[in-house]
Protein backbone atom coordinates (compact mmCIF):
# COMPACT_ATOMS: atom_id res chain seq x y z
CA MET A 1 -40.20 47.24 -68.78
CA ASP A 2 -42.51 45.26 -71.29
CA GLN A 3 -45.93 44.75 -70.65
CA LEU A 4 -46.36 41.22 -69.13
CA ASP A 5 -48.54 38.74 -71.37
CA VAL A 6 -51.95 38.28 -70.26
CA SER A 7 -51.38 34.75 -70.19
CA GLU A 8 -49.18 35.24 -67.39
CA GLU A 9 -50.76 37.41 -65.34
CA ASP A 10 -53.94 34.80 -65.69
CA HIS A 11 -51.54 32.22 -64.28
CA VAL A 12 -50.33 34.15 -61.51
CA GLY A 13 -53.92 34.88 -60.42
CA LEU A 14 -54.82 31.18 -60.31
CA LEU A 15 -51.51 30.62 -58.30
CA ILE A 16 -52.51 33.53 -56.04
CA GLN A 17 -56.23 31.52 -55.48
CA LYS A 18 -54.60 28.13 -55.04
CA GLU A 19 -52.22 29.60 -52.21
CA ILE A 20 -55.47 31.00 -50.82
CA SER A 21 -57.50 27.80 -50.75
CA PHE A 22 -54.35 25.70 -49.38
CA GLY A 23 -54.50 27.86 -46.26
CA PHE A 24 -51.66 30.31 -46.17
CA LYS A 25 -52.21 32.65 -43.35
CA LYS A 26 -55.44 31.21 -42.47
CA ASP A 27 -55.99 31.18 -38.83
CA GLY A 28 -53.45 34.01 -37.90
CA LEU A 29 -50.09 33.53 -36.80
CA PHE A 30 -48.78 30.23 -35.04
CA VAL A 31 -46.03 30.48 -32.46
CA PHE A 32 -43.56 28.24 -32.17
CA ASP A 33 -42.46 27.79 -28.55
CA GLU A 34 -38.75 28.29 -27.52
CA PRO A 35 -38.15 24.23 -27.37
CA LEU A 36 -39.83 23.96 -30.62
CA LYS A 37 -37.89 27.11 -32.19
CA ARG A 38 -34.46 25.56 -31.43
CA ALA A 39 -35.87 22.03 -32.55
CA ARG A 40 -36.91 23.67 -35.82
CA PHE A 41 -33.74 25.66 -36.39
CA ASN A 42 -31.88 22.57 -35.99
CA ALA A 43 -33.96 20.29 -38.21
CA ILE A 44 -33.44 23.11 -40.89
CA ASN A 45 -29.62 23.42 -40.63
CA TRP A 46 -29.67 19.48 -41.13
CA ILE A 47 -32.23 19.80 -44.32
CA PHE A 48 -29.73 22.17 -45.73
CA LYS A 49 -26.74 19.69 -45.11
CA ILE A 50 -28.87 16.93 -46.73
CA THR A 51 -29.87 18.93 -49.66
CA GLU A 52 -26.45 20.21 -50.56
CA ALA A 53 -24.99 16.68 -50.03
CA LEU A 54 -27.41 15.19 -52.60
CA ASP A 55 -26.90 17.92 -54.85
CA PHE A 56 -30.94 19.05 -54.71
CA HIS A 57 -32.41 22.21 -55.82
CA PHE A 58 -33.15 25.36 -53.23
CA GLN A 59 -36.71 24.67 -53.86
CA THR A 60 -36.78 20.84 -52.38
CA ALA A 61 -35.21 22.67 -49.23
CA TYR A 62 -37.47 25.10 -49.10
CA LEU A 63 -40.72 22.54 -49.99
CA SER A 64 -39.13 20.77 -47.25
CA VAL A 65 -39.44 23.36 -44.88
CA THR A 66 -42.73 24.05 -45.47
CA TYR A 67 -43.96 20.59 -45.16
CA LEU A 68 -42.40 20.47 -41.94
CA ASP A 69 -43.93 23.93 -40.79
CA GLN A 70 -47.13 22.72 -41.97
CA PHE A 71 -47.16 19.25 -39.76
CA LEU A 72 -45.82 21.06 -36.61
CA THR A 73 -48.65 23.59 -36.72
CA LYS A 74 -51.11 20.45 -36.87
CA ARG A 75 -49.34 17.87 -35.18
CA TYR A 76 -47.63 17.97 -31.49
CA ILE A 77 -44.40 16.60 -31.47
CA ASP A 78 -41.98 16.69 -28.46
CA ALA A 79 -39.04 18.95 -29.15
CA GLU A 80 -36.90 17.14 -26.83
CA LYS A 81 -36.87 14.22 -28.59
CA ASN A 82 -33.97 14.75 -31.44
CA TRP A 83 -34.47 11.27 -32.90
CA ALA A 84 -38.26 12.19 -33.60
CA ILE A 85 -37.42 15.76 -35.02
CA ARG A 86 -34.66 13.83 -37.21
CA LEU A 87 -37.04 11.45 -38.50
CA LEU A 88 -39.72 14.11 -39.34
CA SER A 89 -36.99 16.11 -41.21
CA ILE A 90 -35.94 12.91 -43.41
CA ALA A 91 -39.65 12.25 -43.96
CA CYS A 92 -40.24 16.16 -45.37
CA VAL A 93 -37.00 16.18 -47.60
CA SER A 94 -37.70 12.62 -48.97
CA LEU A 95 -41.43 13.51 -50.15
CA ALA A 96 -40.35 17.30 -51.63
CA ALA A 97 -37.70 15.39 -53.43
CA LYS A 98 -40.28 12.96 -55.03
CA MET A 99 -41.96 16.51 -55.92
CA GLU A 100 -39.21 18.51 -57.32
CA GLU A 101 -36.37 16.39 -58.27
CA CYS A 102 -35.82 14.34 -61.47
CA ASN A 103 -33.71 11.55 -59.95
CA VAL A 104 -34.82 10.61 -55.99
CA PRO A 105 -32.07 7.98 -54.65
CA GLU A 106 -33.12 5.42 -52.17
CA LEU A 107 -34.09 6.38 -48.30
CA SER A 108 -30.70 5.25 -47.06
CA LYS A 109 -28.93 8.08 -49.04
CA PHE A 110 -31.13 10.60 -46.97
CA GLN A 111 -29.06 10.36 -43.89
CA LEU A 112 -26.10 11.84 -43.03
CA GLU A 113 -22.75 10.22 -41.07
CA ASP A 114 -24.26 10.83 -37.26
CA CYS A 115 -26.04 9.24 -34.21
CA TYR A 116 -29.31 8.46 -36.15
CA PHE A 117 -30.17 5.78 -38.44
CA PHE A 118 -33.35 4.78 -39.42
CA GLN A 119 -34.63 1.59 -41.41
CA GLY A 120 -36.20 2.41 -44.52
CA LYS A 121 -39.66 1.12 -43.07
CA VAL A 122 -39.61 3.71 -40.63
CA ILE A 123 -39.19 6.25 -42.98
CA GLN A 124 -41.86 5.12 -45.13
CA LYS A 125 -44.30 5.45 -42.19
CA MET A 126 -43.28 8.56 -40.89
CA GLU A 127 -43.63 9.69 -44.70
CA LEU A 128 -47.27 8.30 -44.47
CA LEU A 129 -47.59 10.34 -41.48
CA VAL A 130 -46.97 13.45 -43.22
CA LEU A 131 -48.97 12.56 -45.67
CA THR A 132 -52.05 12.10 -43.84
CA THR A 133 -51.35 15.21 -41.93
CA LEU A 134 -50.94 17.22 -44.93
CA ASP A 135 -54.20 15.41 -46.32
CA TRP A 136 -52.28 13.80 -49.22
CA ASN A 137 -51.67 17.79 -50.60
CA MET A 138 -48.04 17.88 -51.42
CA SER A 139 -48.38 20.16 -54.56
CA ILE A 140 -47.85 22.97 -52.76
CA ILE A 141 -47.04 26.36 -53.60
CA THR A 142 -43.94 28.18 -52.85
CA PRO A 143 -42.33 31.70 -53.76
CA PHE A 144 -40.29 30.23 -56.61
CA SER A 145 -43.46 29.89 -58.63
CA PHE A 146 -43.74 33.73 -58.52
CA LEU A 147 -40.01 34.91 -58.18
CA SER A 148 -39.82 35.04 -62.26
CA TYR A 149 -43.25 37.18 -62.50
CA PHE A 150 -41.66 39.95 -59.94
CA ILE A 151 -38.44 40.13 -61.17
CA LYS A 152 -40.00 41.04 -64.54
CA LYS A 153 -42.75 43.13 -62.84
CA PHE A 154 -40.13 45.16 -60.65
CA GLY A 155 -37.42 45.00 -63.69
CA ASN A 156 -35.32 43.51 -60.58
CA ASP A 157 -32.25 40.95 -61.57
CA SER A 158 -30.23 41.14 -58.25
CA ASP A 159 -30.17 37.71 -56.14
CA THR A 160 -33.15 36.58 -53.99
CA MET A 161 -32.15 33.99 -53.15
CA GLN A 162 -30.39 35.93 -49.86
CA PRO A 163 -33.98 36.97 -48.45
CA ILE A 164 -35.95 33.67 -49.05
CA PHE A 165 -32.86 32.07 -47.34
CA THR A 166 -33.36 34.52 -44.15
CA VAL A 167 -36.71 33.66 -44.32
CA ILE A 168 -36.28 30.09 -43.83
CA MET A 169 -33.88 29.94 -41.33
CA GLU A 170 -35.01 33.01 -38.67
CA GLY A 171 -37.90 31.69 -37.08
CA PHE A 172 -40.15 32.45 -40.00
CA ASN A 173 -43.66 29.84 -40.06
CA LEU A 174 -43.71 29.42 -43.57
CA MET A 175 -47.46 28.68 -43.23
CA ASP A 176 -48.14 32.27 -41.67
CA HIS A 177 -47.23 34.19 -45.06
CA ARG A 178 -48.70 33.49 -48.38
CA PRO A 179 -45.74 32.45 -50.95
CA SER A 180 -46.78 35.57 -53.27
CA VAL A 181 -46.51 37.92 -50.74
CA VAL A 182 -43.13 36.33 -49.50
CA ALA A 183 -41.85 36.30 -53.28
CA ALA A 184 -43.05 40.11 -53.88
CA ALA A 185 -41.02 41.04 -50.66
CA ALA A 186 -38.13 39.27 -50.80
CA THR A 187 -37.83 40.83 -54.66
CA LEU A 188 -38.25 44.28 -53.57
CA LEU A 189 -35.69 43.86 -50.35
CA ALA A 190 -33.24 42.52 -52.90
CA LEU A 191 -34.06 45.47 -55.39
CA ASP A 192 -33.80 48.23 -52.57
CA GLN A 193 -33.72 47.69 -48.69
CA THR A 194 -34.73 51.51 -48.40
CA LEU A 195 -38.43 51.53 -49.40
CA THR A 196 -41.26 52.95 -47.59
CA ILE A 197 -45.11 51.73 -47.50
CA GLU A 198 -45.80 54.49 -50.21
CA ASP A 199 -43.34 53.14 -52.47
CA VAL A 200 -44.65 49.50 -51.94
CA ARG A 201 -48.02 50.58 -52.50
CA LEU A 202 -46.74 52.54 -56.13
CA LYS A 203 -44.87 49.07 -57.38
CA MET A 204 -48.11 46.93 -56.46
CA ASP A 205 -50.49 48.92 -57.80
CA SER A 206 -51.32 46.82 -60.99
CA ILE A 207 -51.60 43.69 -58.59
CA SER A 208 -55.36 43.42 -56.96
CA GLN A 209 -55.02 40.23 -55.68
CA ILE A 210 -51.98 40.99 -53.44
CA GLU A 211 -52.41 43.47 -50.47
CA PRO A 212 -49.28 45.80 -50.47
CA ASN A 213 -49.74 46.04 -46.83
CA ASP A 214 -49.10 42.76 -46.24
CA VAL A 215 -46.19 42.88 -48.67
CA PHE A 216 -44.94 46.00 -46.61
CA ASP A 217 -45.07 44.11 -43.24
CA CYS A 218 -43.60 41.18 -44.69
CA TYR A 219 -40.63 43.25 -46.29
CA THR A 220 -40.19 44.92 -43.13
CA LEU A 221 -40.07 41.76 -41.32
CA ILE A 222 -37.34 40.31 -44.03
CA ARG A 223 -34.99 43.09 -43.56
CA ARG A 224 -35.02 43.17 -39.79
CA LEU A 225 -34.77 39.57 -39.74
CA TYR A 226 -31.78 39.64 -41.90
CA GLU A 227 -30.12 42.12 -40.26
CA GLU A 228 -30.39 40.82 -36.63
CA LYS A 229 -28.82 37.53 -38.71
CA MET A 230 -26.14 39.61 -39.93
CA LYS A 231 -25.26 41.02 -36.67
CA ARG A 232 -24.60 37.64 -35.11
CA GLU A 233 -23.67 35.24 -37.95
CA GLU A 234 -20.14 35.00 -36.77
CA HIS A 235 -21.80 32.90 -34.02
CA LEU A 236 -23.80 31.04 -35.73
CA TYR A 237 -23.58 28.16 -38.41
CA THR A 238 -24.81 29.26 -41.72
CA PRO A 239 -25.25 27.00 -44.45
CA ASN A 240 -23.64 27.92 -48.00
CA THR A 241 -26.66 28.25 -50.35
CA SER A 242 -24.18 29.16 -53.12
CA VAL A 243 -23.60 25.31 -53.58
CA ILE A 244 -27.14 24.61 -53.77
CA ARG A 245 -28.70 24.96 -57.35
CA SER A 246 -30.74 27.85 -58.39
CA ARG A 247 -28.86 28.46 -56.71
CA THR A 248 -36.11 34.58 -32.32
CA ILE A 249 -39.04 36.01 -33.42
CA ASP A 250 -42.24 36.74 -31.55
CA TYR A 251 -45.42 36.26 -33.41
CA ALA A 252 -48.97 37.53 -32.32
CA VAL A 253 -50.77 34.15 -31.65
CA SER A 254 -54.11 32.57 -32.99
CA MET A 255 -53.21 29.42 -31.28
CA THR A 256 -54.48 25.98 -33.17
CA LYS A 257 -55.40 22.75 -31.34
CA ARG A 258 -52.45 20.35 -32.59
CA ARG A 259 -53.23 16.02 -32.53
CA ARG A 260 -50.65 14.66 -30.21
CA LEU A 261 -48.07 12.57 -32.39
CA SER A 262 -48.30 9.43 -30.62
CA PHE A 263 -45.54 7.43 -31.58
CA ILE A 264 -43.54 9.71 -29.82
CA ASP A 265 -45.50 10.16 -26.45
CA ASP A 266 -43.48 7.84 -24.06
CA GLU A 267 -42.04 8.46 -20.49
CA ASP A 268 -38.83 7.53 -20.97
CA GLY A 269 -37.55 10.34 -23.26
CA GLY A 270 -36.61 9.57 -27.21
CA ASP A 271 -32.76 9.95 -26.50
CA GLU A 272 -32.65 6.48 -24.73
CA LYS A 273 -34.48 4.46 -27.05
CA ASP A 274 -32.90 2.82 -30.45
CA PRO A 275 -34.14 4.81 -33.31
CA HIS A 276 -33.68 1.70 -35.63
CA GLN A 277 -36.82 0.15 -34.12
CA GLU A 278 -39.17 3.07 -33.78
CA ASP A 279 -42.19 2.29 -35.60
CA PRO A 280 -44.42 5.66 -36.26
CA LYS A 281 -47.97 4.54 -35.88
CA THR A 282 -50.47 6.77 -37.79
């Protein structure tokens, strides 16, 4: 394999510094309780449906889930209120599309034919709440920023989409793992599913800014999640990622306090509300 250009190495180094400063894996692993895991799983299924329907890139779906996970680690949301989860999902996809897509449709197009339909101004207020919660930092590093580097580094042209898809769907909080680590682990897993810690250390030897043990831990986790997913795949709905262009796990926890999401803090239950009229307040 040809030696990587120095400028590419420098660029990757800058990306790694950016992801560290952003706060990936900053405060330890964050746990999703069981209701929130289920709500998140359903939200991600919907995100894949809408990104497929709108012919968005896979990167847009991944960034949407990154926004979703970051929001859920910072604010409380009642996982039993399906309309609130849906509204949050729409806002995350809309914001991600503005970052990744050349052509972004009007807000009415971000809603499937089902029981929920939100007015544009309601979605915009939810977008604002997501923006303020994420401190307006929407240019988030994802594993896709590193894939070409690791594919060239490891001499692997295998499909890395399935390992990354597994990362998204299997309760894997995207904020708990540095994107560079996910990219390295996914590329190695696509290359060889039998690597040992020694193999990973050897392959990562020349990349000083990424800890090989972190890569191996992530590699092992994705491999286990993928194996578990395959065992029960016939019982679960799995979106068809081949039509998208570019185309539960227990965490060791360091719990962080989350600000309460006031506009869903009611006593009557979200399912009894008319989502057309919901007016989120920041």
